[in-house]
C-alpha atoms as a PDB file:
ATOM      1  CA  UNK A   1     -38.489-130.677 -34.422  1.00  0.00           C
ATOM      2  CA  UNK A   2     -37.218-128.732 -31.433  1.00  0.00           C
ATOM      3  CA  UNK A   3     -38.853-125.643 -30.009  1.00  0.00           C
ATOM      4  CA  UNK A   4     -35.672-123.766 -30.929  1.00  0.00           C
ATOM      5  CA  UNK A   5     -36.333-124.619 -34.598  1.00  0.00           C
ATOM      6  CA  UNK A   6     -39.267-122.199 -34.546  1.00  0.00           C
ATOM      7  CA  UNK A   7     -37.095-119.221 -33.658  1.00  0.00           C
ATOM      8  CA  UNK A   8     -35.342-118.598 -36.979  1.00  0.00           C
ATOM      9  CA  UNK A   9     -38.486-118.403 -39.159  1.00  0.00           C
ATOM     10  CA  UNK A  10     -40.268-116.288 -36.537  1.00  0.00           C
ATOM     11  CA  UNK A  11     -37.329-113.917 -36.320  1.00  0.00           C
ATOM     12  CA  UNK A  12     -37.199-113.625 -40.114  1.00  0.00           C
ATOM     13  CA  UNK A  13     -40.930-112.955 -40.215  1.00  0.00           C
ATOM     14  CA  UNK A  14     -40.735-110.170 -37.650  1.00  0.00           C
ATOM     15  CA  UNK A  15     -37.607-108.621 -39.146  1.00  0.00           C
ATOM     16  CA  UNK A  16     -39.339-108.432 -42.514  1.00  0.00           C
ATOM     17  CA  UNK A  17     -41.870-106.134 -40.844  1.00  0.00           C
ATOM     18  CA  UNK A  18     -39.173-103.837 -39.523  1.00  0.00           C
ATOM     19  CA  UNK A  19     -38.798-105.241 -35.993  1.00  0.00           C
ATOM     20  CA  UNK A  20     -35.577-105.674 -34.077  1.00  0.00           C
ATOM     21  CA  UNK A  21     -35.824-109.179 -32.629  1.00  0.00           C
ATOM     22  CA  UNK A  22     -34.110-110.743 -29.621  1.00  0.00           C
ATOM     23  CA  UNK A  23     -34.626-114.102 -27.927  1.00  0.00           C
ATOM     24  CA  UNK A  24     -34.909-115.057 -24.262  1.00  0.00           C
ATOM     25  CA  UNK A  25     -35.492-111.629 -22.782  1.00  0.00           C
ATOM     26  CA  UNK A  26     -36.331-112.600 -19.225  1.00  0.00           C
ATOM     27  CA  UNK A  27     -39.077-115.230 -19.450  1.00  0.00           C
ATOM     28  CA  UNK A  28     -40.149-114.105 -22.925  1.00  0.00           C
ATOM     29  CA  UNK A  29     -39.217-116.489 -25.736  1.00  0.00           C
ATOM     30  CA  UNK A  30     -39.090-113.657 -28.268  1.00  0.00           C
ATOM     31  CA  UNK A  31     -39.330-109.902 -27.911  1.00  0.00           C
ATOM     32  CA  UNK A  32     -39.496-107.591 -30.911  1.00  0.00           C
ATOM     33  CA  UNK A  33     -39.429-103.796 -31.075  1.00  0.00           C
ATOM     34  CA  UNK A  34     -40.127-101.354 -33.888  1.00  0.00           C
ATOM     35  CA  UNK A  35     -39.338 -97.735 -33.113  1.00  0.00           C
ATOM     36  CA  UNK A  36     -41.434 -96.341 -30.274  1.00  0.00           C
ATOM     37  CA  UNK A  37     -44.255 -98.883 -30.712  1.00  0.00           C
ATOM     38  CA  UNK A  38     -45.180-101.211 -27.841  1.00  0.00           C
ATOM     39  CA  UNK A  39     -43.052-104.371 -27.947  1.00  0.00           C
ATOM     40  CA  UNK A  40     -44.339-107.600 -29.436  1.00  0.00           C
ATOM     41  CA  UNK A  41     -43.858-110.771 -27.399  1.00  0.00           C
ATOM     42  CA  UNK A  42     -44.021-114.262 -28.908  1.00  0.00           C
ATOM     43  CA  UNK A  43     -44.288-117.467 -26.881  1.00  0.00           C
ATOM     44  CA  UNK A  44     -43.370-120.689 -28.688  1.00  0.00           C
ATOM     45  CA  UNK A  45     -44.382-124.315 -28.182  1.00  0.00           C
ATOM     46  CA  UNK A  46     -44.358-127.415 -30.386  1.00  0.00           C
ATOM     47  CA  UNK A  47     -48.065-127.961 -29.696  1.00  0.00           C
ATOM     48  CA  UNK A  48     -50.932-125.693 -28.774  1.00  0.00           C
ATOM     49  CA  UNK A  49     -51.434-126.379 -25.084  1.00  0.00           C
ATOM     50  CA  UNK A  50     -52.779-124.952 -21.855  1.00  0.00           C
ATOM     51  CA  UNK A  51     -49.195-124.229 -20.791  1.00  0.00           C
ATOM     52  CA  UNK A  52     -48.681-122.082 -23.898  1.00  0.00           C
ATOM     53  CA  UNK A  53     -51.923-120.189 -23.292  1.00  0.00           C
ATOM     54  CA  UNK A  54     -50.996-119.571 -19.653  1.00  0.00           C
ATOM     55  CA  UNK A  55     -47.612-118.227 -20.696  1.00  0.00           C
ATOM     56  CA  UNK A  56     -49.272-115.874 -23.158  1.00  0.00           C
ATOM     57  CA  UNK A  57     -51.739-114.643 -20.549  1.00  0.00           C
ATOM     58  CA  UNK A  58     -48.883-114.061 -18.099  1.00  0.00           C
ATOM     59  CA  UNK A  59     -47.012-111.944 -20.671  1.00  0.00           C
ATOM     60  CA  UNK A  60     -50.163-109.877 -21.182  1.00  0.00           C
ATOM     61  CA  UNK A  61     -49.641-108.633 -17.638  1.00  0.00           C
ATOM     62  CA  UNK A  62     -46.703-106.635 -19.023  1.00  0.00           C
ATOM     63  CA  UNK A  63     -47.369-106.095 -22.729  1.00  0.00           C
ATOM     64  CA  UNK A  64     -50.586-105.976 -24.776  1.00  0.00           C
ATOM     65  CA  UNK A  65     -49.163-107.403 -28.015  1.00  0.00           C
ATOM     66  CA  UNK A  66     -48.629-111.094 -27.287  1.00  0.00           C
ATOM     67  CA  UNK A  67     -48.585-113.888 -29.866  1.00  0.00           C
ATOM     68  CA  UNK A  68     -48.590-117.652 -29.457  1.00  0.00           C
ATOM     69  CA  UNK A  69     -46.578-119.559 -32.055  1.00  0.00           C
ATOM     70  CA  UNK A  70     -46.835-123.256 -32.935  1.00  0.00           C
ATOM     71  CA  UNK A  71     -45.869-125.440 -35.910  1.00  0.00           C
ATOM     72  CA  UNK A  72     -48.494-125.943 -38.574  1.00  0.00           C
ATOM     73  CA  UNK A  73     -49.511-129.596 -38.237  1.00  0.00           C
ATOM     74  CA  UNK A  74     -52.481-131.898 -38.710  1.00  0.00           C
ATOM     75  CA  UNK A  75     -53.485-131.931 -35.050  1.00  0.00           C
ATOM     76  CA  UNK A  76     -53.440-128.138 -34.936  1.00  0.00           C
ATOM     77  CA  UNK A  77     -55.676-127.946 -37.996  1.00  0.00           C
ATOM     78  CA  UNK A  78     -58.245-130.304 -36.494  1.00  0.00           C
ATOM     79  CA  UNK A  79     -58.729-127.893 -33.583  1.00  0.00           C
ATOM     80  CA  UNK A  80     -58.308-124.728 -35.630  1.00  0.00           C
ATOM     81  CA  UNK A  81     -61.694-123.114 -34.998  1.00  0.00           C
ATOM     82  CA  UNK A  82     -61.557-123.780 -31.261  1.00  0.00           C
ATOM     83  CA  UNK A  83     -57.989-122.465 -31.040  1.00  0.00           C
ATOM     84  CA  UNK A  84     -58.887-119.286 -32.920  1.00  0.00           C
ATOM     85  CA  UNK A  85     -61.968-118.744 -30.738  1.00  0.00           C
ATOM     86  CA  UNK A  86     -59.932-119.181 -27.547  1.00  0.00           C
ATOM     87  CA  UNK A  87     -57.141-116.855 -28.655  1.00  0.00           C
ATOM     88  CA  UNK A  88     -59.623-114.220 -29.813  1.00  0.00           C
ATOM     89  CA  UNK A  89     -61.458-114.356 -26.486  1.00  0.00           C
ATOM     90  CA  UNK A  90     -58.153-113.939 -24.619  1.00  0.00           C
ATOM     91  CA  UNK A  91     -56.917-111.187 -26.992  1.00  0.00           C
ATOM     92  CA  UNK A  92     -53.899-113.300 -27.943  1.00  0.00           C
ATOM     93  CA  UNK A  93     -52.378-113.394 -31.414  1.00  0.00           C
ATOM     94  CA  UNK A  94     -51.639-116.672 -33.197  1.00  0.00           C
ATOM     95  CA  UNK A  95     -48.763-117.497 -35.538  1.00  0.00           C
ATOM     96  CA  UNK A  96     -48.270-120.798 -37.362  1.00  0.00           C
ATOM     97  CA  UNK A  97     -44.810-121.878 -38.494  1.00  0.00           C
ATOM     98  CA  UNK A  98     -44.986-123.987 -41.647  1.00  0.00           C
ATOM     99  CA  UNK A  99     -42.671-125.194 -44.387  1.00  0.00           C
ATOM    100  CA  UNK A 100     -43.293-121.999 -46.340  1.00  0.00           C
ATOM    101  CA  UNK A 101     -42.639-119.666 -43.437  1.00  0.00           C
ATOM    102  CA  UNK A 102     -44.840-118.009 -40.839  1.00  0.00           C
ATOM    103  CA  UNK A 103     -48.557-117.391 -41.242  1.00  0.00           C
ATOM    104  CA  UNK A 104     -50.393-114.910 -39.021  1.00  0.00           C
ATOM    105  CA  UNK A 105     -53.807-116.348 -38.219  1.00  0.00           C
ATOM    106  CA  UNK A 106     -54.873-113.836 -35.594  1.00  0.00           C
ATOM    107  CA  UNK A 107     -53.611-110.511 -34.261  1.00  0.00           C
ATOM    108  CA  UNK A 108     -54.059-109.451 -30.624  1.00  0.00           C
ATOM    109  CA  UNK A 109     -57.115-107.244 -30.200  1.00  0.00           C
ATOM    110  CA  UNK A 110     -59.583-106.359 -27.448  1.00  0.00           C
ATOM    111  CA  UNK A 111     -62.432-108.850 -27.420  1.00  0.00           C
ATOM    112  CA  UNK A 112     -66.051-107.814 -26.965  1.00  0.00           C
ATOM    113  CA  UNK A 113     -68.113-111.027 -27.023  1.00  0.00           C
ATOM    114  CA  UNK A 114     -71.451-111.048 -28.805  1.00  0.00           C
ATOM    115  CA  UNK A 115     -73.760-113.237 -26.774  1.00  0.00           C
ATOM    116  CA  UNK A 116     -75.732-115.937 -28.602  1.00  0.00           C
ATOM    117  CA  UNK A 117     -79.174-114.963 -27.405  1.00  0.00           C
ATOM    118  CA  UNK A 118     -81.206-117.671 -29.165  1.00  0.00           C
ATOM    119  CA  UNK A 119     -79.245-120.668 -27.804  1.00  0.00           C
ATOM    120  CA  UNK A 120     -79.168-118.976 -24.401  1.00  0.00           C
ATOM    121  CA  UNK A 121     -82.948-118.529 -24.421  1.00  0.00           C
ATOM    122  CA  UNK A 122     -83.380-122.189 -25.382  1.00  0.00           C
ATOM    123  CA  UNK A 123     -81.245-123.310 -22.442  1.00  0.00           C
ATOM    124  CA  UNK A 124     -83.131-121.050 -20.042  1.00  0.00           C
ATOM    125  CA  UNK A 125     -86.451-122.495 -21.220  1.00  0.00           C
ATOM    126  CA  UNK A 126     -85.107-125.998 -20.675  1.00  0.00           C
ATOM    127  CA  UNK A 127     -83.987-125.051 -17.152  1.00  0.00           C
ATOM    128  CA  UNK A 128     -87.286-123.408 -16.217  1.00  0.00           C
ATOM    129  CA  UNK A 129     -89.509-126.167 -17.586  1.00  0.00           C
ATOM    130  CA  UNK A 130     -87.552-129.224 -16.471  1.00  0.00           C
ATOM    131  CA  UNK A 131     -89.048-130.833 -13.383  1.00  0.00           C
ATOM    132  CA  UNK A 132     -86.502-131.466 -10.632  1.00  0.00           C
ATOM    133  CA  UNK A 133     -82.881-132.374 -11.308  1.00  0.00           C
ATOM    134  CA  UNK A 134     -83.069-135.882 -12.808  1.00  0.00           C
ATOM    135  CA  UNK A 135     -79.621-135.971 -14.409  1.00  0.00           C
ATOM    136  CA  UNK A 136     -76.234-136.580 -12.782  1.00  0.00           C
ATOM    137  CA  UNK A 137     -73.685-133.986 -13.872  1.00  0.00           C
ATOM    138  CA  UNK A 138     -70.541-135.275 -15.593  1.00  0.00           C
ATOM    139  CA  UNK A 139     -72.003-138.612 -16.683  1.00  0.00           C
ATOM    140  CA  UNK A 140     -71.675-139.516 -20.369  1.00  0.00           C
ATOM    141  CA  UNK A 141     -73.098-142.300 -22.484  1.00  0.00           C
ATOM    142  CA  UNK A 142     -76.521-142.245 -20.788  1.00  0.00           C
ATOM    143  CA  UNK A 143     -79.876-140.847 -21.901  1.00  0.00           C
ATOM    144  CA  UNK A 144     -80.467-137.350 -20.579  1.00  0.00           C
ATOM    145  CA  UNK A 145     -83.789-136.468 -19.024  1.00  0.00           C
ATOM    146  CA  UNK A 146     -84.917-133.447 -21.010  1.00  0.00           C
ATOM    147  CA  UNK A 147     -88.155-131.474 -20.899  1.00  0.00           C
ATOM    148  CA  UNK A 148     -89.156-133.199 -24.137  1.00  0.00           C
ATOM    149  CA  UNK A 149     -88.639-136.645 -22.584  1.00  0.00           C
ATOM    150  CA  UNK A 150     -90.542-135.559 -19.472  1.00  0.00           C
ATOM    151  CA  UNK A 151     -93.446-134.414 -21.650  1.00  0.00           C
ATOM    152  CA  UNK A 152     -93.386-137.725 -23.518  1.00  0.00           C
ATOM    153  CA  UNK A 153     -93.478-139.580 -20.202  1.00  0.00           C
ATOM    154  CA  UNK A 154     -96.479-137.523 -19.073  1.00  0.00           C
ATOM    155  CA  UNK A 155     -98.310-138.538 -22.235  1.00  0.00           C
ATOM    156  CA  UNK A 156     -97.281-142.167 -21.770  1.00  0.00           C
ATOM    157  CA  UNK A 157     -98.548-142.169 -18.184  1.00  0.00           C
ATOM    158  CA  UNK A 158    -101.952-140.976 -19.328  1.00  0.00           C
ATOM    159  CA  UNK A 159    -102.135-143.626 -22.066  1.00  0.00           C
ATOM    160  CA  UNK A 160    -101.617-146.435 -19.545  1.00  0.00           C
ATOM    161  CA  UNK A 161    -105.399-146.492 -19.180  1.00  0.00           C
ATOM    162  CA  UNK A 162    -105.835-147.120 -22.909  1.00  0.00           C
ATOM    163  CA  UNK A 163    -105.993-145.280 -26.239  1.00  0.00           C
ATOM    164  CA  UNK A 164    -106.999-141.649 -25.992  1.00  0.00           C
ATOM    165  CA  UNK A 165    -107.489-138.561 -28.130  1.00  0.00           C
ATOM    166  CA  UNK A 166    -104.469-136.308 -28.331  1.00  0.00           C
ATOM    167  CA  UNK A 167    -106.531-133.292 -27.296  1.00  0.00           C
ATOM    168  CA  UNK A 168    -107.638-135.061 -24.128  1.00  0.00           C
ATOM    169  CA  UNK A 169    -104.065-136.119 -23.361  1.00  0.00           C
ATOM    170  CA  UNK A 170    -102.928-132.514 -23.785  1.00  0.00           C
ATOM    171  CA  UNK A 171    -105.623-131.218 -21.446  1.00  0.00           C
ATOM    172  CA  UNK A 172    -105.090-133.872 -18.801  1.00  0.00           C
ATOM    173  CA  UNK A 173    -101.288-133.670 -18.728  1.00  0.00           C
ATOM    174  CA  UNK A 174    -100.718-129.999 -19.458  1.00  0.00           C
ATOM    175  CA  UNK A 175     -98.482-130.989 -22.405  1.00  0.00           C
ATOM    176  CA  UNK A 176     -99.655-128.545 -25.074  1.00  0.00           C
ATOM    177  CA  UNK A 177     -97.551-130.235 -27.733  1.00  0.00           C
ATOM    178  CA  UNK A 178     -98.971-133.692 -26.975  1.00  0.00           C
ATOM    179  CA  UNK A 179    -100.432-134.165 -30.474  1.00  0.00           C
ATOM    180  CA  UNK A 180     -97.242-133.415 -32.489  1.00  0.00           C
ATOM    181  CA  UNK A 181     -95.113-135.157 -29.854  1.00  0.00           C
ATOM    182  CA  UNK A 182     -97.061-138.422 -30.160  1.00  0.00           C
ATOM    183  CA  UNK A 183     -97.359-138.058 -33.930  1.00  0.00           C
ATOM    184  CA  UNK A 184     -93.620-137.551 -34.413  1.00  0.00           C
ATOM    185  CA  UNK A 185     -92.926-140.401 -31.959  1.00  0.00           C
ATOM    186  CA  UNK A 186     -89.162-139.880 -31.633  1.00  0.00           C
ATOM    187  CA  UNK A 187     -88.838-142.571 -28.973  1.00  0.00           C
ATOM    188  CA  UNK A 188     -91.133-145.207 -30.481  1.00  0.00           C
ATOM    189  CA  UNK A 189     -93.495-145.055 -27.517  1.00  0.00           C
ATOM    190  CA  UNK A 190     -96.718-144.126 -29.321  1.00  0.00           C
ATOM    191  CA  UNK A 191     -98.847-145.454 -32.144  1.00  0.00           C
ATOM    192  CA  UNK A 192    -101.857-143.928 -33.832  1.00  0.00           C
ATOM    193  CA  UNK A 193    -104.825-146.302 -33.676  1.00  0.00           C
ATOM    194  CA  UNK A 194    -107.279-143.896 -35.272  1.00  0.00           C
ATOM    195  CA  UNK A 195    -107.151-140.343 -36.505  1.00  0.00           C
ATOM    196  CA  UNK A 196    -106.121-138.191 -33.525  1.00  0.00           C
ATOM    197  CA  UNK A 197    -106.173-141.182 -31.145  1.00  0.00           C
ATOM    198  CA  UNK A 198    -102.971-142.696 -29.771  1.00  0.00           C
ATOM    199  CA  UNK A 199    -101.974-145.715 -27.713  1.00  0.00           C
ATOM    200  CA  UNK A 200     -98.797-146.951 -26.025  1.00  0.00           C
ATOM    201  CA  UNK A 201     -96.484-149.325 -27.854  1.00  0.00           C
ATOM    202  CA  UNK A 202     -94.672-152.127 -25.986  1.00  0.00           C
ATOM    203  CA  UNK A 203     -91.623-149.867 -26.062  1.00  0.00           C
ATOM    204  CA  UNK A 204     -93.663-147.151 -24.384  1.00  0.00           C
ATOM    205  CA  UNK A 205     -94.805-149.550 -21.655  1.00  0.00           C
ATOM    206  CA  UNK A 206     -91.161-150.544 -21.099  1.00  0.00           C
ATOM    207  CA  UNK A 207     -90.175-146.875 -20.891  1.00  0.00           C
ATOM    208  CA  UNK A 208     -92.575-146.311 -18.018  1.00  0.00           C
ATOM    209  CA  UNK A 209     -90.856-149.121 -16.132  1.00  0.00           C
ATOM    210  CA  UNK A 210     -87.397-147.813 -17.028  1.00  0.00           C
ATOM    211  CA  UNK A 211     -88.257-144.284 -15.924  1.00  0.00           C
ATOM    212  CA  UNK A 212     -90.467-145.222 -12.987  1.00  0.00           C
ATOM    213  CA  UNK A 213     -88.524-143.005 -10.587  1.00  0.00           C
ATOM    214  CA  UNK A 214     -88.664-140.040 -12.962  1.00  0.00           C
ATOM    215  CA  UNK A 215     -92.379-140.461 -13.623  1.00  0.00           C
ATOM    216  CA  UNK A 216     -93.097-140.420  -9.888  1.00  0.00           C
ATOM    217  CA  UNK A 217     -91.871-136.801  -9.689  1.00  0.00           C
ATOM    218  CA  UNK A 218     -93.892-135.867 -12.778  1.00  0.00           C
ATOM    219  CA  UNK A 219     -97.110-137.031 -11.195  1.00  0.00           C
ATOM    220  CA  UNK A 220     -96.545-135.102  -7.923  1.00  0.00           C
END
């Protein structure tokens, strides 16, 4: 498929809605007009790409009704939700050219984002409670040092001296959730030796060695 192959179905689609359609008006791939209404501009590409988005944003500097048009394909479908979210945030329309013609998936409209307050509050709590800056930004495939892991390390440090009641661990470390944390044992570091009493597992002892540098800042 060539980019030019998208033009005919897009032109037919717009003409069916009463638009007069012309191609290559200046830098615009397609411009369409219907009476005294603001013109509609369509930018075409064979794949949804940053270049296509940038072209659409540039056209918005002249006209408010700007659509991006791409062929309907498997790769496009895999990213559909992200593409729609991006176009909606940028107030860009989205047209898909398929074997049965053109489908309008989004019309240009002003975007007023609704902030996700619960996830935002969770991230702020993580920021405020995390001790220091133990992670290296941009690194993947490594275990992140979270507040939960830091709390687990605090509990593990206290249990180095031997089995202890969860309530005592909580009081000594300041980890209020010590009891459910050790009971749930997501990392395999703790074992219950008696009711309400926990000890370190060999994996927990190894974790204190692995995170020796991190635990030093927790004990400051």
